[in-house]
């Protein structure tokens, strides 16, 4: 099982509170985790990554075990603690402004 933390506005969009828990087998990668999130909550398609290119949105960041993995290739294996559900995969909306 994978635990995923979504930003508040995306949790509101799908009508959940707290952490997502998704059934998952095998090694996790950012691509596979986002595929699972979008599969479980189709309304999120296009909010985390571009629907056509599957590229991460510019103001969305991914964190695994406290490390920013946003710029890593989408198929980079995530730490075992993420795959085992001991640590959450975090999707964070970046803040910009001046």
PDB file of N, CA and C in Angstrom:
ATOM      1  N   UNK A   1       0.849  -1.178   0.000  1.00  0.00           N
ATOM      2  CA  UNK A   1       0.000   0.000   0.000  1.00  0.00           C
ATOM      3  C   UNK A   1       0.892   1.237   0.000  1.00  0.00           C
ATOM      4  N   UNK A   2       0.500   2.219  -0.768  1.00  0.00           N
ATOM      5  CA  UNK A   2       1.199   3.497  -0.858  1.00  0.00           C
ATOM      6  C   UNK A   2       0.339   4.550  -0.179  1.00  0.00           C
ATOM      7  N   UNK A   3       0.986   5.411   0.594  1.00  0.00           N
ATOM      8  CA  UNK A   3       0.293   6.557   1.188  1.00  0.00           C
ATOM      9  C   UNK A   3       0.687   7.797   0.390  1.00  0.00           C
ATOM     10  N   UNK A   4      -0.310   8.605   0.056  1.00  0.00           N
ATOM     11  CA  UNK A   4      -0.080   9.815  -0.735  1.00  0.00           C
ATOM     12  C   UNK A   4      -0.733  10.991  -0.025  1.00  0.00           C
ATOM     13  N   UNK A   5       0.029  12.052   0.135  1.00  0.00           N
ATOM     14  CA  UNK A   5      -0.501  13.294   0.700  1.00  0.00           C
ATOM     15  C   UNK A   5      -0.690  14.279  -0.447  1.00  0.00           C
ATOM     16  N   UNK A   6      -1.914  14.747  -0.592  1.00  0.00           N
ATOM     17  CA  UNK A   6      -2.264  15.726  -1.629  1.00  0.00           C
ATOM     18  C   UNK A   6      -2.397  17.108  -1.015  1.00  0.00           C
ATOM     19  N   UNK A   7      -2.194  18.161  -1.815  1.00  0.00           N
ATOM     20  CA  UNK A   7      -2.474  19.508  -1.332  1.00  0.00           C
ATOM     21  C   UNK A   7      -3.964  19.657  -1.006  1.00  0.00           C
ATOM     22  N   UNK A   8      -4.277  20.575  -0.120  1.00  0.00           N
ATOM     23  CA  UNK A   8      -5.656  20.756   0.360  1.00  0.00           C
ATOM     24  C   UNK A   8      -6.649  20.975  -0.779  1.00  0.00           C
ATOM     25  N   UNK A   9      -6.298  21.771  -1.780  1.00  0.00           N
ATOM     26  CA  UNK A   9      -7.260  22.043  -2.852  1.00  0.00           C
ATOM     27  C   UNK A   9      -7.576  20.792  -3.662  1.00  0.00           C
ATOM     28  N   UNK A  10      -6.616  19.873  -3.798  1.00  0.00           N
ATOM     29  CA  UNK A  10      -6.901  18.622  -4.512  1.00  0.00           C
ATOM     30  C   UNK A  10      -7.685  17.653  -3.640  1.00  0.00           C
ATOM     31  N   UNK A  11      -7.422  17.646  -2.330  1.00  0.00           N
ATOM     32  CA  UNK A  11      -8.242  16.830  -1.421  1.00  0.00           C
ATOM     33  C   UNK A  11      -9.688  17.294  -1.463  1.00  0.00           C
ATOM     34  N   UNK A  12      -9.899  18.611  -1.468  1.00  0.00           N
ATOM     35  CA  UNK A  12     -11.256  19.154  -1.560  1.00  0.00           C
ATOM     36  C   UNK A  12     -11.923  18.765  -2.879  1.00  0.00           C
ATOM     37  N   UNK A  13     -11.158  18.770  -3.957  1.00  0.00           N
ATOM     38  CA  UNK A  13     -11.699  18.428  -5.271  1.00  0.00           C
ATOM     39  C   UNK A  13     -12.244  16.995  -5.306  1.00  0.00           C
ATOM     40  N   UNK A  14     -11.559  16.082  -4.625  1.00  0.00           N
ATOM     41  CA  UNK A  14     -12.013  14.680  -4.623  1.00  0.00           C
ATOM     42  C   UNK A  14     -12.847  14.337  -3.399  1.00  0.00           C
ATOM     43  N   UNK A  15     -12.987  15.281  -2.473  1.00  0.00           N
ATOM     44  CA  UNK A  15     -13.850  15.078  -1.317  1.00  0.00           C
ATOM     45  C   UNK A  15     -13.295  14.138  -0.265  1.00  0.00           C
ATOM     46  N   UNK A  16     -11.990  14.227  -0.014  1.00  0.00           N
ATOM     47  CA  UNK A  16     -11.387  13.395   1.024  1.00  0.00           C
ATOM     48  C   UNK A  16     -10.692  14.272   2.058  1.00  0.00           C
ATOM     49  N   UNK A  17     -10.435  13.698   3.211  1.00  0.00           N
ATOM     50  CA  UNK A  17      -9.620  14.351   4.223  1.00  0.00           C
ATOM     51  C   UNK A  17      -8.465  13.413   4.540  1.00  0.00           C
ATOM     52  N   UNK A  18      -7.355  13.948   4.909  1.00  0.00           N
ATOM     53  CA  UNK A  18      -6.225  13.113   5.303  1.00  0.00           C
ATOM     54  C   UNK A  18      -5.449  12.555   4.127  1.00  0.00           C
ATOM     55  N   UNK A  19      -4.815  11.428   4.391  1.00  0.00           N
ATOM     56  CA  UNK A  19      -3.902  10.785   3.452  1.00  0.00           C
ATOM     57  C   UNK A  19      -4.621   9.750   2.594  1.00  0.00           C
ATOM     58  N   UNK A  20      -4.275   9.697   1.313  1.00  0.00           N
ATOM     59  CA  UNK A  20      -4.786   8.639   0.436  1.00  0.00           C
ATOM     60  C   UNK A  20      -4.006   7.363   0.719  1.00  0.00           C
ATOM     61  N   UNK A  21      -4.676   6.249   0.727  1.00  0.00           N
ATOM     62  CA  UNK A  21      -4.025   4.940   0.811  1.00  0.00           C
ATOM     63  C   UNK A  21      -4.446   4.155  -0.412  1.00  0.00           C
ATOM     64  N   UNK A  22      -3.472   3.800  -1.242  1.00  0.00           N
ATOM     65  CA  UNK A  22      -3.759   3.104  -2.492  1.00  0.00           C
ATOM     66  C   UNK A  22      -3.072   1.751  -2.505  1.00  0.00           C
ATOM     67  N   UNK A  23      -3.806   0.729  -2.935  1.00  0.00           N
ATOM     68  CA  UNK A  23      -3.210  -0.592  -3.084  1.00  0.00           C
ATOM     69  C   UNK A  23      -2.173  -0.521  -4.196  1.00  0.00           C
ATOM     70  N   UNK A  24      -1.025  -1.090  -3.926  1.00  0.00           N
ATOM     71  CA  UNK A  24       0.092  -0.968  -4.849  1.00  0.00           C
ATOM     72  C   UNK A  24       0.983  -2.177  -4.658  1.00  0.00           C
ATOM     73  N   UNK A  25       1.427  -2.772  -5.740  1.00  0.00           N
ATOM     74  CA  UNK A  25       2.352  -3.895  -5.613  1.00  0.00           C
ATOM     75  C   UNK A  25       3.602  -3.606  -6.430  1.00  0.00           C
ATOM     76  N   UNK A  26       4.716  -4.078  -5.944  1.00  0.00           N
ATOM     77  CA  UNK A  26       5.977  -3.882  -6.643  1.00  0.00           C
ATOM     78  C   UNK A  26       6.627  -2.558  -6.318  1.00  0.00           C
ATOM     79  N   UNK A  27       7.774  -2.306  -6.930  1.00  0.00           N
ATOM     80  CA  UNK A  27       8.491  -1.047  -6.661  1.00  0.00           C
ATOM     81  C   UNK A  27       7.712   0.156  -7.190  1.00  0.00           C
ATOM     82  N   UNK A  28       7.742   1.223  -6.438  1.00  0.00           N
ATOM     83  CA  UNK A  28       7.018   2.442  -6.803  1.00  0.00           C
ATOM     84  C   UNK A  28       7.946   3.420  -7.511  1.00  0.00           C
ATOM     85  N   UNK A  29       7.381   4.123  -8.464  1.00  0.00           N
ATOM     86  CA  UNK A  29       8.056   5.234  -9.139  1.00  0.00           C
ATOM     87  C   UNK A  29       7.072   6.398  -9.132  1.00  0.00           C
ATOM     88  N   UNK A  30       7.550   7.630  -9.294  1.00  0.00           N
ATOM     89  CA  UNK A  30       6.601   8.743  -9.357  1.00  0.00           C
ATOM     90  C   UNK A  30       5.520   8.541 -10.425  1.00  0.00           C
ATOM     91  N   UNK A  31       5.899   8.032 -11.591  1.00  0.00           N
ATOM     92  CA  UNK A  31       4.922   7.812 -12.671  1.00  0.00           C
ATOM     93  C   UNK A  31       3.837   6.829 -12.231  1.00  0.00           C
ATOM     94  N   UNK A  32       4.235   5.711 -11.624  1.00  0.00           N
ATOM     95  CA  UNK A  32       3.266   4.701 -11.210  1.00  0.00           C
ATOM     96  C   UNK A  32       2.368   5.191 -10.081  1.00  0.00           C
ATOM     97  N   UNK A  33       2.932   5.982  -9.171  1.00  0.00           N
ATOM     98  CA  UNK A  33       2.116   6.524  -8.076  1.00  0.00           C
ATOM     99  C   UNK A  33       1.073   7.485  -8.630  1.00  0.00           C
ATOM    100  N   UNK A  34       1.481   8.387  -9.514  1.00  0.00           N
ATOM    101  CA  UNK A  34       0.526   9.349 -10.095  1.00  0.00           C
ATOM    102  C   UNK A  34      -0.502   8.610 -10.958  1.00  0.00           C
ATOM    103  N   UNK A  35      -0.067   7.577 -11.689  1.00  0.00           N
ATOM    104  CA  UNK A  35      -1.029   6.755 -12.449  1.00  0.00           C
ATOM    105  C   UNK A  35      -2.082   6.169 -11.513  1.00  0.00           C
ATOM    106  N   UNK A  36      -1.658   5.668 -10.341  1.00  0.00           N
ATOM    107  CA  UNK A  36      -2.590   5.074  -9.374  1.00  0.00           C
ATOM    108  C   UNK A  36      -3.535   6.124  -8.795  1.00  0.00           C
ATOM    109  N   UNK A  37      -3.006   7.309  -8.492  1.00  0.00           N
ATOM    110  CA  UNK A  37      -3.840   8.396  -7.956  1.00  0.00           C
ATOM    111  C   UNK A  37      -4.892   8.794  -8.987  1.00  0.00           C
ATOM    112  N   UNK A  38      -4.462   9.008 -10.240  1.00  0.00           N
ATOM    113  CA  UNK A  38      -5.406   9.404 -11.286  1.00  0.00           C
ATOM    114  C   UNK A  38      -6.389   8.281 -11.614  1.00  0.00           C
ATOM    115  N   UNK A  39      -5.956   7.037 -11.474  1.00  0.00           N
ATOM    116  CA  UNK A  39      -6.867   5.919 -11.703  1.00  0.00           C
ATOM    117  C   UNK A  39      -7.948   5.841 -10.640  1.00  0.00           C
ATOM    118  N   UNK A  40      -7.565   6.120  -9.395  1.00  0.00           N
ATOM    119  CA  UNK A  40      -8.526   6.081  -8.292  1.00  0.00           C
ATOM    120  C   UNK A  40      -9.421   7.319  -8.285  1.00  0.00           C
ATOM    121  N   UNK A  41      -8.892   8.445  -8.724  1.00  0.00           N
ATOM    122  CA  UNK A  41      -9.627   9.716  -8.714  1.00  0.00           C
ATOM    123  C   UNK A  41      -9.473  10.386 -10.081  1.00  0.00           C
ATOM    124  N   UNK A  42     -10.247   9.954 -11.093  1.00  0.00           N
ATOM    125  CA  UNK A  42     -10.101  10.490 -12.455  1.00  0.00           C
ATOM    126  C   UNK A  42     -10.249  12.004 -12.556  1.00  0.00           C
ATOM    127  N   UNK A  43     -10.954  12.629 -11.617  1.00  0.00           N
ATOM    128  CA  UNK A  43     -11.114  14.084 -11.659  1.00  0.00           C
ATOM    129  C   UNK A  43      -9.762  14.793 -11.509  1.00  0.00           C
ATOM    130  N   UNK A  44      -8.750  14.105 -11.013  1.00  0.00           N
ATOM    131  CA  UNK A  44      -7.429  14.709 -10.839  1.00  0.00           C
ATOM    132  C   UNK A  44      -6.583  14.686 -12.109  1.00  0.00           C
ATOM    133  N   UNK A  45      -7.056  13.997 -13.144  1.00  0.00           N
ATOM    134  CA  UNK A  45      -6.297  13.975 -14.401  1.00  0.00           C
ATOM    135  C   UNK A  45      -6.147  15.391 -14.929  1.00  0.00           C
ATOM    136  N   UNK A  46      -4.910  15.765 -15.186  1.00  0.00           N
ATOM    137  CA  UNK A  46      -4.614  17.108 -15.683  1.00  0.00           C
ATOM    138  C   UNK A  46      -4.310  18.115 -14.602  1.00  0.00           C
ATOM    139  N   UNK A  47      -4.469  17.755 -13.327  1.00  0.00           N
ATOM    140  CA  UNK A  47      -4.189  18.709 -12.252  1.00  0.00           C
ATOM    141  C   UNK A  47      -2.763  18.578 -11.713  1.00  0.00           C
ATOM    142  N   UNK A  48      -2.231  17.366 -11.708  1.00  0.00           N
ATOM    143  CA  UNK A  48      -0.895  17.116 -11.176  1.00  0.00           C
ATOM    144  C   UNK A  48       0.132  17.130 -12.300  1.00  0.00           C
ATOM    145  N   UNK A  49      -0.262  16.601 -13.434  1.00  0.00           N
ATOM    146  CA  UNK A  49       0.611  16.582 -14.610  1.00  0.00           C
ATOM    147  C   UNK A  49      -0.246  16.835 -15.844  1.00  0.00           C
ATOM    148  N   UNK A  50       0.392  17.302 -16.894  1.00  0.00           N
ATOM    149  CA  UNK A  50      -0.300  17.573 -18.145  1.00  0.00           C
ATOM    150  C   UNK A  50      -0.924  16.294 -18.670  1.00  0.00           C
ATOM    151  N   UNK A  51      -2.163  16.363 -19.088  1.00  0.00           N
ATOM    152  CA  UNK A  51      -2.887  15.176 -19.519  1.00  0.00           C
ATOM    153  C   UNK A  51      -2.306  14.562 -20.794  1.00  0.00           C
ATOM    154  N   UNK A  52      -1.816  15.385 -21.696  1.00  0.00           N
ATOM    155  CA  UNK A  52      -1.296  14.876 -22.967  1.00  0.00           C
ATOM    156  C   UNK A  52       0.150  14.390 -22.846  1.00  0.00           C
ATOM    157  N   UNK A  53       1.016  15.202 -22.244  1.00  0.00           N
ATOM    158  CA  UNK A  53       2.442  14.870 -22.198  1.00  0.00           C
ATOM    159  C   UNK A  53       2.837  14.051 -20.978  1.00  0.00           C
ATOM    160  N   UNK A  54       1.988  14.051 -19.949  1.00  0.00           N
ATOM    161  CA  UNK A  54       2.257  13.362 -18.671  1.00  0.00           C
ATOM    162  C   UNK A  54       3.410  13.998 -17.898  1.00  0.00           C
ATOM    163  N   UNK A  55       3.780  15.234 -18.242  1.00  0.00           N
ATOM    164  CA  UNK A  55       4.831  15.962 -17.533  1.00  0.00           C
ATOM    165  C   UNK A  55       4.243  16.651 -16.307  1.00  0.00           C
ATOM    166  N   UNK A  56       5.006  16.665 -15.232  1.00  0.00           N
ATOM    167  CA  UNK A  56       4.596  17.311 -13.984  1.00  0.00           C
ATOM    168  C   UNK A  56       4.307  18.787 -14.250  1.00  0.00           C
ATOM    169  N   UNK A  57       3.225  19.281 -13.650  1.00  0.00           N
ATOM    170  CA  UNK A  57       2.908  20.710 -13.748  1.00  0.00           C
ATOM    171  C   UNK A  57       4.027  21.524 -13.096  1.00  0.00           C
ATOM    172  N   UNK A  58       4.271  22.710 -13.621  1.00  0.00           N
ATOM    173  CA  UNK A  58       5.404  23.534 -13.175  1.00  0.00           C
ATOM    174  C   UNK A  58       5.361  23.856 -11.681  1.00  0.00           C
ATOM    175  N   UNK A  59       4.198  24.069 -11.121  1.00  0.00           N
ATOM    176  CA  UNK A  59       4.113  24.470  -9.718  1.00  0.00           C
ATOM    177  C   UNK A  59       3.689  23.323  -8.802  1.00  0.00           C
ATOM    178  N   UNK A  60       4.016  22.107  -9.210  1.00  0.00           N
ATOM    179  CA  UNK A  60       3.747  20.928  -8.393  1.00  0.00           C
ATOM    180  C   UNK A  60       5.085  20.263  -8.109  1.00  0.00           C
ATOM    181  N   UNK A  61       5.305  19.877  -6.861  1.00  0.00           N
ATOM    182  CA  UNK A  61       6.553  19.220  -6.453  1.00  0.00           C
ATOM    183  C   UNK A  61       6.224  17.879  -5.827  1.00  0.00           C
ATOM    184  N   UNK A  62       7.143  16.924  -5.964  1.00  0.00           N
ATOM    185  CA  UNK A  62       7.004  15.600  -5.376  1.00  0.00           C
ATOM    186  C   UNK A  62       8.100  15.400  -4.329  1.00  0.00           C
ATOM    187  N   UNK A  63       7.716  14.876  -3.162  1.00  0.00           N
ATOM    188  CA  UNK A  63       8.678  14.607  -2.098  1.00  0.00           C
ATOM    189  C   UNK A  63       8.554  13.170  -1.632  1.00  0.00           C
ATOM    190  N   UNK A  64       9.698  12.526  -1.422  1.00  0.00           N
ATOM    191  CA  UNK A  64       9.761  11.160  -0.918  1.00  0.00           C
ATOM    192  C   UNK A  64      10.795  11.115   0.199  1.00  0.00           C
ATOM    193  N   UNK A  65      10.374  10.763   1.397  1.00  0.00           N
ATOM    194  CA  UNK A  65      11.268  10.665   2.552  1.00  0.00           C
ATOM    195  C   UNK A  65      12.017  11.983   2.787  1.00  0.00           C
ATOM    196  N   UNK A  66      11.319  13.098   2.627  1.00  0.00           N
ATOM    197  CA  UNK A  66      11.905  14.413   2.879  1.00  0.00           C
ATOM    198  C   UNK A  66      12.774  14.953   1.757  1.00  0.00           C
ATOM    199  N   UNK A  67      12.911  14.214   0.675  1.00  0.00           N
ATOM    200  CA  UNK A  67      13.734  14.645  -0.450  1.00  0.00           C
ATOM    201  C   UNK A  67      12.853  15.056  -1.622  1.00  0.00           C
ATOM    202  N   UNK A  68      13.208  16.181  -2.254  1.00  0.00           N
ATOM    203  CA  UNK A  68      12.492  16.637  -3.445  1.00  0.00           C
ATOM    204  C   UNK A  68      12.901  15.745  -4.617  1.00  0.00           C
ATOM    205  N   UNK A  69      11.960  14.998  -5.161  1.00  0.00           N
ATOM    206  CA  UNK A  69      12.241  14.106  -6.289  1.00  0.00           C
ATOM    207  C   UNK A  69      11.570  14.612  -7.574  1.00  0.00           C
ATOM    208  N   UNK A  70      11.161  15.869  -7.564  1.00  0.00           N
ATOM    209  CA  UNK A  70      10.423  16.447  -8.684  1.00  0.00           C
ATOM    210  C   UNK A  70      11.199  16.439  -9.992  1.00  0.00           C
ATOM    211  N   UNK A  71      12.506  16.629  -9.922  1.00  0.00           N
ATOM    212  CA  UNK A  71      13.307  16.731 -11.140  1.00  0.00           C
ATOM    213  C   UNK A  71      13.941  15.401 -11.539  1.00  0.00           C
ATOM    214  N   UNK A  72      13.718  14.363 -10.757  1.00  0.00           N
ATOM    215  CA  UNK A  72      14.214  13.030 -11.101  1.00  0.00           C
ATOM    216  C   UNK A  72      13.384  12.472 -12.260  1.00  0.00           C
ATOM    217  N   UNK A  73      13.947  11.557 -13.064  1.00  0.00           N
ATOM    218  CA  UNK A  73      13.139  10.921 -14.112  1.00  0.00           C
ATOM    219  C   UNK A  73      11.914  10.230 -13.507  1.00  0.00           C
ATOM    220  N   UNK A  74      10.810  10.227 -14.244  1.00  0.00           N
ATOM    221  CA  UNK A  74       9.541   9.674 -13.750  1.00  0.00           C
ATOM    222  C   UNK A  74       9.615   8.200 -13.371  1.00  0.00           C
ATOM    223  N   UNK A  75      10.588   7.482 -13.927  1.00  0.00           N
ATOM    224  CA  UNK A  75      10.700   6.049 -13.652  1.00  0.00           C
ATOM    225  C   UNK A  75      11.770   5.715 -12.618  1.00  0.00           C
ATOM    226  N   UNK A  76      12.257   6.721 -11.889  1.00  0.00           N
ATOM    227  CA  UNK A  76      13.233   6.490 -10.829  1.00  0.00           C
ATOM    228  C   UNK A  76      12.540   5.785  -9.668  1.00  0.00           C
ATOM    229  N   UNK A  77      13.082   4.660  -9.216  1.00  0.00           N
ATOM    230  CA  UNK A  77      12.452   3.970  -8.077  1.00  0.00           C
ATOM    231  C   UNK A  77      12.444   4.855  -6.823  1.00  0.00           C
ATOM    232  N   UNK A  78      11.320   4.839  -6.139  1.00  0.00           N
ATOM    233  CA  UNK A  78      11.201   5.574  -4.884  1.00  0.00           C
ATOM    234  C   UNK A  78      11.775   4.720  -3.751  1.00  0.00           C
ATOM    235  N   UNK A  79      12.137   5.345  -2.617  1.00  0.00           N
ATOM    236  CA  UNK A  79      12.691   4.583  -1.497  1.00  0.00           C
ATOM    237  C   UNK A  79      11.743   3.476  -1.031  1.00  0.00           C
ATOM    238  N   UNK A  80      12.317   2.420  -0.465  1.00  0.00           N
ATOM    239  CA  UNK A  80      11.528   1.287   0.024  1.00  0.00           C
ATOM    240  C   UNK A  80      10.480   1.712   1.045  1.00  0.00           C
ATOM    241  N   UNK A  81      10.783   2.734   1.850  1.00  0.00           N
ATOM    242  CA  UNK A  81       9.826   3.195   2.861  1.00  0.00           C
ATOM    243  C   UNK A  81       8.542   3.706   2.214  1.00  0.00           C
ATOM    244  N   UNK A  82       8.632   4.251   1.018  1.00  0.00           N
ATOM    245  CA  UNK A  82       7.444   4.707   0.283  1.00  0.00           C
ATOM    246  C   UNK A  82       6.673   3.484  -0.223  1.00  0.00           C
ATOM    247  N   UNK A  83       7.379   2.565  -0.869  1.00  0.00           N
ATOM    248  CA  UNK A  83       6.734   1.369  -1.422  1.00  0.00           C
ATOM    249  C   UNK A  83       6.063   0.533  -0.345  1.00  0.00           C
ATOM    250  N   UNK A  84       6.652   0.521   0.854  1.00  0.00           N
ATOM    251  CA  UNK A  84       6.101  -0.276   1.956  1.00  0.00           C
ATOM    252  C   UNK A  84       5.009   0.463   2.721  1.00  0.00           C
ATOM    253  N   UNK A  85       4.791   1.732   2.402  1.00  0.00           N
ATOM    254  CA  UNK A  85       3.749   2.496   3.083  1.00  0.00           C
ATOM    255  C   UNK A  85       4.155   3.036   4.441  1.00  0.00           C
ATOM    256  N   UNK A  86       5.449   2.985   4.760  1.00  0.00           N
ATOM    257  CA  UNK A  86       5.913   3.524   6.042  1.00  0.00           C
ATOM    258  C   UNK A  86       6.049   5.047   5.989  1.00  0.00           C
ATOM    259  N   UNK A  87       6.308   5.577   4.814  1.00  0.00           N
ATOM    260  CA  UNK A  87       6.429   7.021   4.594  1.00  0.00           C
ATOM    261  C   UNK A  87       5.500   7.407   3.454  1.00  0.00           C
ATOM    262  N   UNK A  88       4.921   8.610   3.501  1.00  0.00           N
ATOM    263  CA  UNK A  88       4.037   9.027   2.403  1.00  0.00           C
ATOM    264  C   UNK A  88       4.802   9.633   1.233  1.00  0.00           C
ATOM    265  N   UNK A  89       4.220   9.510   0.061  1.00  0.00           N
ATOM    266  CA  UNK A  89       4.665  10.247  -1.119  1.00  0.00           C
ATOM    267  C   UNK A  89       3.881  11.545  -1.082  1.00  0.00           C
ATOM    268  N   UNK A  90       4.583  12.667  -1.066  1.00  0.00           N
ATOM    269  CA  UNK A  90       3.915  13.965  -0.921  1.00  0.00           C
ATOM    270  C   UNK A  90       3.877  14.715  -2.240  1.00  0.00           C
ATOM    271  N   UNK A  91       2.695  15.220  -2.569  1.00  0.00           N
ATOM    272  CA  UNK A  91       2.506  16.086  -3.731  1.00  0.00           C
ATOM    273  C   UNK A  91       2.186  17.456  -3.170  1.00  0.00           C
ATOM    274  N   UNK A  92       3.051  18.409  -3.467  1.00  0.00           N
ATOM    275  CA  UNK A  92       2.951  19.736  -2.867  1.00  0.00           C
ATOM    276  C   UNK A  92       2.768  20.777  -3.978  1.00  0.00           C
ATOM    277  N   UNK A  93       1.858  21.690  -3.749  1.00  0.00           N
ATOM    278  CA  UNK A  93       1.701  22.823  -4.657  1.00  0.00           C
ATOM    279  C   UNK A  93       2.678  23.905  -4.267  1.00  0.00           C
ATOM    280  N   UNK A  94       3.582  24.272  -5.185  1.00  0.00           N
ATOM    281  CA  UNK A  94       4.569  25.308  -4.906  1.00  0.00           C
ATOM    282  C   UNK A  94       3.883  26.670  -4.803  1.00  0.00           C
ATOM    283  N   UNK A  95       4.509  27.549  -4.060  1.00  0.00           N
ATOM    284  CA  UNK A  95       3.982  28.900  -3.882  1.00  0.00           C
ATOM    285  C   UNK A  95       4.921  29.865  -4.615  1.00  0.00           C
ATOM    286  N   UNK A  96       4.342  30.740  -5.406  1.00  0.00           N
ATOM    287  CA  UNK A  96       5.128  31.724  -6.131  1.00  0.00           C
ATOM    288  C   UNK A  96       4.489  33.090  -5.958  1.00  0.00           C
ATOM    289  N   UNK A  97       5.273  34.075  -6.132  1.00  0.00           N
ATOM    290  CA  UNK A  97       4.738  35.429  -6.045  1.00  0.00           C
ATOM    291  C   UNK A  97       5.825  36.415  -5.725  1.00  0.00           C
ATOM    292  N   UNK A  98       5.446  37.630  -5.612  1.00  0.00           N
ATOM    293  CA  UNK A  98       6.476  38.622  -5.387  1.00  0.00           C
ATOM    294  C   UNK A  98       6.069  39.645  -4.385  1.00  0.00           C
TER     295      UNK A  98
END
